[in-house]
Amino acid sequence: IEQNEVKPGTSFNCNLNLYGEPGDDKGTLSFGESFAQSCNYTFTSLAEKLIKKDDSVIENMAEKLGLTQRAGWEGKLYREDGFRQLY
């Protein structure tokens, strides 16, 4: 959406799996319907388009979402000085 790749009226063939091979039998769906129905092909096809424009688009979005940073609390806890919730 930020890259303006999803335009009103755009539809996706959700009879395909995330590799573009025959798979789910969900029909042709809009972006919103694809999201609601978990149509993986919609999102892989959009990712492919975005990667052609910027090959680090996935990594950049992951960073914006905080997915590349450590998660959870860390600090001194009882007898362990370097406790981290998620190692």
PDB file of N, CA and C in Angstrom:
ATOM      1  N   ILE A   1       0.840  -1.186   0.000  1.00  0.00           N
ATOM      2  CA  ILE A   1       0.000   0.000   0.000  1.00  0.00           C
ATOM      3  C   ILE A   1       0.883   1.247   0.000  1.00  0.00           C
ATOM      4  N   GLU A   2       1.939   1.265   0.823  1.00  0.00           N
ATOM      5  CA  GLU A   2       2.837   2.419   0.859  1.00  0.00           C
ATOM      6  C   GLU A   2       3.479   2.687  -0.495  1.00  0.00           C
ATOM      7  N   GLN A   3       3.739   1.638  -1.250  1.00  0.00           N
ATOM      8  CA  GLN A   3       4.403   1.782  -2.549  1.00  0.00           C
ATOM      9  C   GLN A   3       3.411   1.985  -3.691  1.00  0.00           C
ATOM     10  N   ASN A   4       2.123   2.094  -3.357  1.00  0.00           N
ATOM     11  CA  ASN A   4       1.071   2.330  -4.344  1.00  0.00           C
ATOM     12  C   ASN A   4       0.961   1.206  -5.376  1.00  0.00           C
ATOM     13  N   GLU A   5       1.231  -0.024  -4.957  1.00  0.00           N
ATOM     14  CA  GLU A   5       1.112  -1.177  -5.846  1.00  0.00           C
ATOM     15  C   GLU A   5      -0.306  -1.739  -5.857  1.00  0.00           C
ATOM     16  N   VAL A   6      -1.076  -1.450  -4.835  1.00  0.00           N
ATOM     17  CA  VAL A   6      -2.441  -1.966  -4.750  1.00  0.00           C
ATOM     18  C   VAL A   6      -3.393  -0.836  -5.112  1.00  0.00           C
ATOM     19  N   LYS A   7      -3.986  -0.957  -6.268  1.00  0.00           N
ATOM     20  CA  LYS A   7      -4.919   0.052  -6.751  1.00  0.00           C
ATOM     21  C   LYS A   7      -6.343  -0.478  -6.590  1.00  0.00           C
ATOM     22  N   PRO A   8      -7.318   0.423  -6.433  1.00  0.00           N
ATOM     23  CA  PRO A   8      -8.715  -0.039  -6.360  1.00  0.00           C
ATOM     24  C   PRO A   8      -9.056  -0.887  -7.583  1.00  0.00           C
ATOM     25  N   GLY A   9      -9.718  -1.981  -7.352  1.00  0.00           N
ATOM     26  CA  GLY A   9     -10.105  -2.856  -8.449  1.00  0.00           C
ATOM     27  C   GLY A   9      -9.079  -3.915  -8.799  1.00  0.00           C
ATOM     28  N   THR A  10      -7.889  -3.856  -8.197  1.00  0.00           N
ATOM     29  CA  THR A  10      -6.886  -4.883  -8.461  1.00  0.00           C
ATOM     30  C   THR A  10      -7.361  -6.194  -7.863  1.00  0.00           C
ATOM     31  N   SER A  11      -7.240  -7.263  -8.642  1.00  0.00           N
ATOM     32  CA  SER A  11      -7.646  -8.569  -8.135  1.00  0.00           C
ATOM     33  C   SER A  11      -6.491  -9.557  -8.276  1.00  0.00           C
ATOM     34  N   PHE A  12      -6.569 -10.626  -7.516  1.00  0.00           N
ATOM     35  CA  PHE A  12      -5.500 -11.610  -7.450  1.00  0.00           C
ATOM     36  C   PHE A  12      -6.087 -13.011  -7.610  1.00  0.00           C
ATOM     37  N   ASN A  13      -5.367 -13.857  -8.327  1.00  0.00           N
ATOM     38  CA  ASN A  13      -5.806 -15.224  -8.564  1.00  0.00           C
ATOM     39  C   ASN A  13      -5.453 -16.079  -7.345  1.00  0.00           C
ATOM     40  N   CYS A  14      -6.400 -16.250  -6.475  1.00  0.00           N
ATOM     41  CA  CYS A  14      -6.162 -16.984  -5.234  1.00  0.00           C
ATOM     42  C   CYS A  14      -6.438 -18.476  -5.379  1.00  0.00           C
ATOM     43  N   ASN A  15      -6.455 -18.945  -6.621  1.00  0.00           N
ATOM     44  CA  ASN A  15      -6.467 -20.378  -6.875  1.00  0.00           C
ATOM     45  C   ASN A  15      -5.031 -20.901  -6.913  1.00  0.00           C
ATOM     46  N   LEU A  16      -4.060 -19.986  -6.774  1.00  0.00           N
ATOM     47  CA  LEU A  16      -2.645 -20.348  -6.808  1.00  0.00           C
ATOM     48  C   LEU A  16      -2.062 -20.299  -5.408  1.00  0.00           C
ATOM     49  N   ASN A  17      -1.057 -21.142  -5.173  1.00  0.00           N
ATOM     50  CA  ASN A  17      -0.374 -21.095  -3.884  1.00  0.00           C
ATOM     51  C   ASN A  17       0.713 -20.025  -3.916  1.00  0.00           C
ATOM     52  N   LEU A  18       1.497 -19.906  -2.872  1.00  0.00           N
ATOM     53  CA  LEU A  18       2.472 -18.822  -2.830  1.00  0.00           C
ATOM     54  C   LEU A  18       3.544 -18.941  -3.883  1.00  0.00           C
ATOM     55  N   TYR A  19       3.703 -20.110  -4.521  1.00  0.00           N
ATOM     56  CA  TYR A  19       4.685 -20.289  -5.590  1.00  0.00           C
ATOM     57  C   TYR A  19       4.088 -20.066  -6.974  1.00  0.00           C
ATOM     58  N   GLY A  20       2.790 -19.734  -7.028  1.00  0.00           N
ATOM     59  CA  GLY A  20       2.134 -19.521  -8.305  1.00  0.00           C
ATOM     60  C   GLY A  20       1.674 -20.804  -8.971  1.00  0.00           C
ATOM     61  N   GLU A  21       1.662 -21.884  -8.209  1.00  0.00           N
ATOM     62  CA  GLU A  21       1.209 -23.179  -8.725  1.00  0.00           C
ATOM     63  C   GLU A  21      -0.228 -23.419  -8.269  1.00  0.00           C
ATOM     64  N   PRO A  22      -0.969 -24.298  -8.962  1.00  0.00           N
ATOM     65  CA  PRO A  22      -2.338 -24.592  -8.529  1.00  0.00           C
ATOM     66  C   PRO A  22      -2.342 -25.025  -7.064  1.00  0.00           C
ATOM     67  N   GLY A  23      -3.293 -24.461  -6.328  1.00  0.00           N
ATOM     68  CA  GLY A  23      -3.343 -24.760  -4.905  1.00  0.00           C
ATOM     69  C   GLY A  23      -4.733 -24.548  -4.353  1.00  0.00           C
ATOM     70  N   ASP A  24      -4.864 -23.495  -3.576  1.00  0.00           N
ATOM     71  CA  ASP A  24      -6.148 -23.191  -2.954  1.00  0.00           C
ATOM     72  C   ASP A  24      -7.207 -22.893  -4.004  1.00  0.00           C
ATOM     73  N   ASP A  25      -8.443 -23.133  -3.648  1.00  0.00           N
ATOM     74  CA  ASP A  25      -9.562 -22.881  -4.559  1.00  0.00           C
ATOM     75  C   ASP A  25     -10.397 -21.739  -3.985  1.00  0.00           C
ATOM     76  N   LYS A  26      -9.814 -20.533  -4.015  1.00  0.00           N
ATOM     77  CA  LYS A  26     -10.484 -19.378  -3.415  1.00  0.00           C
ATOM     78  C   LYS A  26     -11.022 -18.403  -4.448  1.00  0.00           C
ATOM     79  N   GLY A  27     -10.668 -18.597  -5.715  1.00  0.00           N
ATOM     80  CA  GLY A  27     -11.150 -17.714  -6.767  1.00  0.00           C
ATOM     81  C   GLY A  27     -10.310 -16.458  -6.904  1.00  0.00           C
ATOM     82  N   THR A  28     -10.866 -15.478  -7.583  1.00  0.00           N
ATOM     83  CA  THR A  28     -10.209 -14.190  -7.785  1.00  0.00           C
ATOM     84  C   THR A  28     -10.700 -13.233  -6.712  1.00  0.00           C
ATOM     85  N   LEU A  29      -9.762 -12.665  -5.960  1.00  0.00           N
ATOM     86  CA  LEU A  29     -10.121 -11.830  -4.813  1.00  0.00           C
ATOM     87  C   LEU A  29      -9.476 -10.462  -4.896  1.00  0.00           C
ATOM     88  N   SER A  30     -10.113  -9.476  -4.272  1.00  0.00           N
ATOM     89  CA  SER A  30      -9.523  -8.141  -4.125  1.00  0.00           C
ATOM     90  C   SER A  30      -8.429  -8.210  -3.064  1.00  0.00           C
ATOM     91  N   PHE A  31      -7.715  -7.131  -2.878  1.00  0.00           N
ATOM     92  CA  PHE A  31      -6.670  -7.106  -1.850  1.00  0.00           C
ATOM     93  C   PHE A  31      -7.268  -7.352  -0.466  1.00  0.00           C
ATOM     94  N   GLY A  32      -8.347  -6.663  -0.154  1.00  0.00           N
ATOM     95  CA  GLY A  32      -8.990  -6.834   1.150  1.00  0.00           C
ATOM     96  C   GLY A  32      -9.484  -8.250   1.368  1.00  0.00           C
ATOM     97  N   GLU A  33     -10.098  -8.821   0.335  1.00  0.00           N
ATOM     98  CA  GLU A  33     -10.563 -10.203   0.433  1.00  0.00           C
ATOM     99  C   GLU A  33      -9.383 -11.165   0.560  1.00  0.00           C
ATOM    100  N   SER A  34      -8.305 -10.865  -0.165  1.00  0.00           N
ATOM    101  CA  SER A  34      -7.105 -11.695  -0.085  1.00  0.00           C
ATOM    102  C   SER A  34      -6.550 -11.705   1.327  1.00  0.00           C
ATOM    103  N   PHE A  35      -6.553 -10.544   1.957  1.00  0.00           N
ATOM    104  CA  PHE A  35      -6.073 -10.440   3.334  1.00  0.00           C
ATOM    105  C   PHE A  35      -6.966 -11.260   4.259  1.00  0.00           C
ATOM    106  N   ALA A  36      -8.272 -11.111   4.113  1.00  0.00           N
ATOM    107  CA  ALA A  36      -9.224 -11.819   4.970  1.00  0.00           C
ATOM    108  C   ALA A  36      -9.170 -13.329   4.760  1.00  0.00           C
ATOM    109  N   GLN A  37      -8.923 -13.758   3.533  1.00  0.00           N
ATOM    110  CA  GLN A  37      -8.908 -15.192   3.206  1.00  0.00           C
ATOM    111  C   GLN A  37      -7.506 -15.808   3.308  1.00  0.00           C
ATOM    112  N   SER A  38      -6.524 -15.005   3.694  1.00  0.00           N
ATOM    113  CA  SER A  38      -5.129 -15.467   3.782  1.00  0.00           C
ATOM    114  C   SER A  38      -4.636 -16.037   2.456  1.00  0.00           C
ATOM    115  N   CYS A  39      -4.803 -15.263   1.411  1.00  0.00           N
ATOM    116  CA  CYS A  39      -4.341 -15.677   0.085  1.00  0.00           C
ATOM    117  C   CYS A  39      -2.850 -15.346  -0.034  1.00  0.00           C
ATOM    118  N   ASN A  40      -2.017 -16.338   0.168  1.00  0.00           N
ATOM    119  CA  ASN A  40      -0.571 -16.132   0.145  1.00  0.00           C
ATOM    120  C   ASN A  40      -0.070 -15.652  -1.208  1.00  0.00           C
ATOM    121  N   TYR A  41      -0.707 -16.096  -2.289  1.00  0.00           N
ATOM    122  CA  TYR A  41      -0.255 -15.696  -3.618  1.00  0.00           C
ATOM    123  C   TYR A  41      -0.323 -14.179  -3.801  1.00  0.00           C
ATOM    124  N   THR A  42      -1.326 -13.547  -3.246  1.00  0.00           N
ATOM    125  CA  THR A  42      -1.438 -12.087  -3.336  1.00  0.00           C
ATOM    126  C   THR A  42      -0.177 -11.426  -2.797  1.00  0.00           C
ATOM    127  N   PHE A  43       0.258 -11.875  -1.645  1.00  0.00           N
ATOM    128  CA  PHE A  43       1.369 -11.213  -0.979  1.00  0.00           C
ATOM    129  C   PHE A  43       2.725 -11.583  -1.568  1.00  0.00           C
ATOM    130  N   THR A  44       2.855 -12.805  -2.086  1.00  0.00           N
ATOM    131  CA  THR A  44       4.112 -13.138  -2.747  1.00  0.00           C
ATOM    132  C   THR A  44       4.223 -12.412  -4.085  1.00  0.00           C
ATOM    133  N   SER A  45       3.106 -12.264  -4.790  1.00  0.00           N
ATOM    134  CA  SER A  45       3.164 -11.551  -6.074  1.00  0.00           C
ATOM    135  C   SER A  45       3.457 -10.066  -5.856  1.00  0.00           C
ATOM    136  N   LEU A  46       2.885  -9.474  -4.809  1.00  0.00           N
ATOM    137  CA  LEU A  46       3.206  -8.077  -4.493  1.00  0.00           C
ATOM    138  C   LEU A  46       4.663  -7.940  -4.059  1.00  0.00           C
ATOM    139  N   ALA A  47       5.149  -8.877  -3.270  1.00  0.00           N
ATOM    140  CA  ALA A  47       6.547  -8.840  -2.824  1.00  0.00           C
ATOM    141  C   ALA A  47       7.489  -8.911  -4.019  1.00  0.00           C
ATOM    142  N   GLU A  48       7.193  -9.770  -4.988  1.00  0.00           N
ATOM    143  CA  GLU A  48       8.034  -9.874  -6.184  1.00  0.00           C
ATOM    144  C   GLU A  48       8.094  -8.548  -6.931  1.00  0.00           C
ATOM    145  N   LYS A  49       6.953  -7.873  -7.073  1.00  0.00           N
ATOM    146  CA  LYS A  49       6.926  -6.571  -7.748  1.00  0.00           C
ATOM    147  C   LYS A  49       7.772  -5.547  -6.998  1.00  0.00           C
ATOM    148  N   LEU A  50       7.635  -5.528  -5.684  1.00  0.00           N
ATOM    149  CA  LEU A  50       8.366  -4.551  -4.868  1.00  0.00           C
ATOM    150  C   LEU A  50       9.865  -4.829  -4.881  1.00  0.00           C
ATOM    151  N   ILE A  51      10.252  -6.090  -4.851  1.00  0.00           N
ATOM    152  CA  ILE A  51      11.670  -6.450  -4.859  1.00  0.00           C
ATOM    153  C   ILE A  51      12.326  -6.047  -6.173  1.00  0.00           C
ATOM    154  N   LYS A  52      11.583  -6.073  -7.267  1.00  0.00           N
ATOM    155  CA  LYS A  52      12.135  -5.628  -8.556  1.00  0.00           C
ATOM    156  C   LYS A  52      12.501  -4.145  -8.507  1.00  0.00           C
ATOM    157  N   LYS A  53      11.760  -3.360  -7.733  1.00  0.00           N
ATOM    158  CA  LYS A  53      12.033  -1.928  -7.595  1.00  0.00           C
ATOM    159  C   LYS A  53      13.132  -1.654  -6.569  1.00  0.00           C
ATOM    160  N   ASP A  54      13.144  -2.450  -5.499  1.00  0.00           N
ATOM    161  CA  ASP A  54      14.088  -2.239  -4.395  1.00  0.00           C
ATOM    162  C   ASP A  54      14.344  -3.588  -3.746  1.00  0.00           C
ATOM    163  N   ASP A  55      15.529  -4.150  -3.975  1.00  0.00           N
ATOM    164  CA  ASP A  55      15.785  -5.511  -3.503  1.00  0.00           C
ATOM    165  C   ASP A  55      15.901  -5.646  -1.986  1.00  0.00           C
ATOM    166  N   SER A  56      15.881  -4.540  -1.258  1.00  0.00           N
ATOM    167  CA  SER A  56      15.926  -4.622   0.202  1.00  0.00           C
ATOM    168  C   SER A  56      14.611  -4.171   0.843  1.00  0.00           C
ATOM    169  N   VAL A  57      13.541  -4.136   0.066  1.00  0.00           N
ATOM    170  CA  VAL A  57      12.253  -3.651   0.569  1.00  0.00           C
ATOM    171  C   VAL A  57      11.732  -4.499   1.729  1.00  0.00           C
ATOM    172  N   ILE A  58      11.919  -5.803   1.681  1.00  0.00           N
ATOM    173  CA  ILE A  58      11.429  -6.674   2.753  1.00  0.00           C
ATOM    174  C   ILE A  58      12.202  -6.405   4.042  1.00  0.00           C
ATOM    175  N   GLU A  59      13.524  -6.318   3.931  1.00  0.00           N
ATOM    176  CA  GLU A  59      14.358  -6.045   5.097  1.00  0.00           C
ATOM    177  C   GLU A  59      14.047  -4.669   5.690  1.00  0.00           C
ATOM    178  N   ASN A  60      13.827  -3.680   4.829  1.00  0.00           N
ATOM    179  CA  ASN A  60      13.507  -2.333   5.310  1.00  0.00           C
ATOM    180  C   ASN A  60      12.181  -2.306   6.070  1.00  0.00           C
ATOM    181  N   MET A  61      11.174  -3.012   5.562  1.00  0.00           N
ATOM    182  CA  MET A  61       9.891  -3.053   6.243  1.00  0.00           C
ATOM    183  C   MET A  61      10.004  -3.822   7.554  1.00  0.00           C
ATOM    184  N   ALA A  62      10.769  -4.902   7.557  1.00  0.00           N
ATOM    185  CA  ALA A  62      10.968  -5.669   8.792  1.00  0.00           C
ATOM    186  C   ALA A  62      11.605  -4.790   9.859  1.00  0.00           C
ATOM    187  N   GLU A  63      12.537  -3.948   9.444  1.00  0.00           N
ATOM    188  CA  GLU A  63      13.177  -3.025  10.394  1.00  0.00           C
ATOM    189  C   GLU A  63      12.177  -1.995  10.912  1.00  0.00           C
ATOM    190  N   LYS A  64      11.344  -1.441  10.026  1.00  0.00           N
ATOM    191  CA  LYS A  64      10.323  -0.478  10.443  1.00  0.00           C
ATOM    192  C   LYS A  64       9.359  -1.086  11.453  1.00  0.00           C
ATOM    193  N   LEU A  65       9.070  -2.373  11.284  1.00  0.00           N
ATOM    194  CA  LEU A  65       8.136  -3.061  12.174  1.00  0.00           C
ATOM    195  C   LEU A  65       8.797  -3.545  13.463  1.00  0.00           C
ATOM    196  N   GLY A  66      10.110  -3.338  13.571  1.00  0.00           N
ATOM    197  CA  GLY A  66      10.824  -3.745  14.777  1.00  0.00           C
ATOM    198  C   GLY A  66      11.151  -5.224  14.818  1.00  0.00           C
ATOM    199  N   LEU A  67      11.090  -5.898  13.674  1.00  0.00           N
ATOM    200  CA  LEU A  67      11.331  -7.337  13.634  1.00  0.00           C
ATOM    201  C   LEU A  67      12.807  -7.703  13.624  1.00  0.00           C
ATOM    202  N   THR A  68      13.682  -6.730  13.410  1.00  0.00           N
ATOM    203  CA  THR A  68      15.112  -7.021  13.347  1.00  0.00           C
ATOM    204  C   THR A  68      15.816  -6.747  14.669  1.00  0.00           C
ATOM    205  N   GLN A  69      15.074  -6.251  15.632  1.00  0.00           N
ATOM    206  CA  GLN A  69      15.659  -5.929  16.935  1.00  0.00           C
ATOM    207  C   GLN A  69      15.334  -7.031  17.927  1.00  0.00           C
ATOM    208  N   ARG A  70      16.095  -7.077  18.997  1.00  0.00           N
ATOM    209  CA  ARG A  70      15.795  -8.038  20.051  1.00  0.00           C
ATOM    210  C   ARG A  70      14.457  -7.700  20.681  1.00  0.00           C
ATOM    211  N   ALA A  71      13.742  -8.729  21.059  1.00  0.00           N
ATOM    212  CA  ALA A  71      12.425  -8.542  21.667  1.00  0.00           C
ATOM    213  C   ALA A  71      12.460  -8.997  23.121  1.00  0.00           C
ATOM    214  N   GLY A  72      11.630  -8.391  23.932  1.00  0.00           N
ATOM    215  CA  GLY A  72      11.493  -8.813  25.314  1.00  0.00           C
ATOM    216  C   GLY A  72      12.396  -8.059  26.265  1.00  0.00           C
ATOM    217  N   TRP A  73      12.108  -8.225  27.523  1.00  0.00           N
ATOM    218  CA  TRP A  73      12.848  -7.555  28.586  1.00  0.00           C
ATOM    219  C   TRP A  73      14.159  -8.276  28.833  1.00  0.00           C
ATOM    220  N   GLU A  74      15.188  -7.524  29.243  1.00  0.00           N
ATOM    221  CA  GLU A  74      16.457  -8.124  29.637  1.00  0.00           C
ATOM    222  C   GLU A  74      17.063  -7.323  30.773  1.00  0.00           C
ATOM    223  N   GLY A  75      17.839  -7.971  31.601  1.00  0.00           N
ATOM    224  CA  GLY A  75      18.468  -7.305  32.724  1.00  0.00           C
ATOM    225  C   GLY A  75      18.809  -8.290  33.826  1.00  0.00           C
ATOM    226  N   LYS A  76      19.048  -7.753  35.027  1.00  0.00           N
ATOM    227  CA  LYS A  76      19.412  -8.589  36.164  1.00  0.00           C
ATOM    228  C   LYS A  76      18.148  -9.223  36.745  1.00  0.00           C
ATOM    229  N   LEU A  77      18.213 -10.542  36.937  1.00  0.00           N
ATOM    230  CA  LEU A  77      17.080 -11.269  37.490  1.00  0.00           C
ATOM    231  C   LEU A  77      17.610 -12.362  38.412  1.00  0.00           C
ATOM    232  N   TYR A  78      17.280 -12.239  39.665  1.00  0.00           N
ATOM    233  CA  TYR A  78      17.679 -13.196  40.694  1.00  0.00           C
ATOM    234  C   TYR A  78      19.183 -13.452  40.612  1.00  0.00           C
ATOM    235  N   ARG A  79      19.626 -14.610  40.175  1.00  0.00           N
ATOM    236  CA  ARG A  79      21.060 -14.935  40.158  1.00  0.00           C
ATOM    237  C   ARG A  79      21.677 -14.817  38.770  1.00  0.00           C
ATOM    238  N   GLU A  80      20.943 -14.331  37.843  1.00  0.00           N
ATOM    239  CA  GLU A  80      21.452 -14.241  36.472  1.00  0.00           C
ATOM    240  C   GLU A  80      21.545 -12.769  36.069  1.00  0.00           C
ATOM    241  N   ASP A  81      22.758 -12.322  35.797  1.00  0.00           N
ATOM    242  CA  ASP A  81      22.978 -10.908  35.467  1.00  0.00           C
ATOM    243  C   ASP A  81      22.485 -10.548  34.065  1.00  0.00           C
ATOM    244  N   GLY A  82      22.667 -11.426  33.110  1.00  0.00           N
ATOM    245  CA  GLY A  82      22.331 -11.097  31.718  1.00  0.00           C
ATOM    246  C   GLY A  82      21.082 -11.796  31.232  1.00  0.00           C
ATOM    247  N   PHE A  83      20.030 -11.824  32.054  1.00  0.00           N
ATOM    248  CA  PHE A  83      18.789 -12.500  31.667  1.00  0.00           C
ATOM    249  C   PHE A  83      18.139 -11.816  30.480  1.00  0.00           C
ATOM    250  N   ARG A  84      17.684 -12.623  29.516  1.00  0.00           N
ATOM    251  CA  ARG A  84      16.887 -12.139  28.384  1.00  0.00           C
ATOM    252  C   ARG A  84      15.709 -13.064  28.228  1.00  0.00           C
ATOM    253  N   GLN A  85      14.538 -12.509  28.007  1.00  0.00           N
ATOM    254  CA  GLN A  85      13.346 -13.342  27.825  1.00  0.00           C
ATOM    255  C   GLN A  85      13.476 -14.253  26.610  1.00  0.00           C
ATOM    256  N   LEU A  86      13.951 -13.708  25.518  1.00  0.00           N
ATOM    257  CA  LEU A  86      14.085 -14.474  24.274  1.00  0.00           C
ATOM    258  C   LEU A  86      15.544 -14.504  23.856  1.00  0.00           C
ATOM    259  N   TYR A  87      16.157 -15.648  23.943  1.00  0.00           N
ATOM    260  CA  TYR A  87      17.572 -15.774  23.550  1.00  0.00           C
ATOM    261  C   TYR A  87      17.705 -15.833  22.056  1.00  0.00           C
TER     262      TYR A  87
END
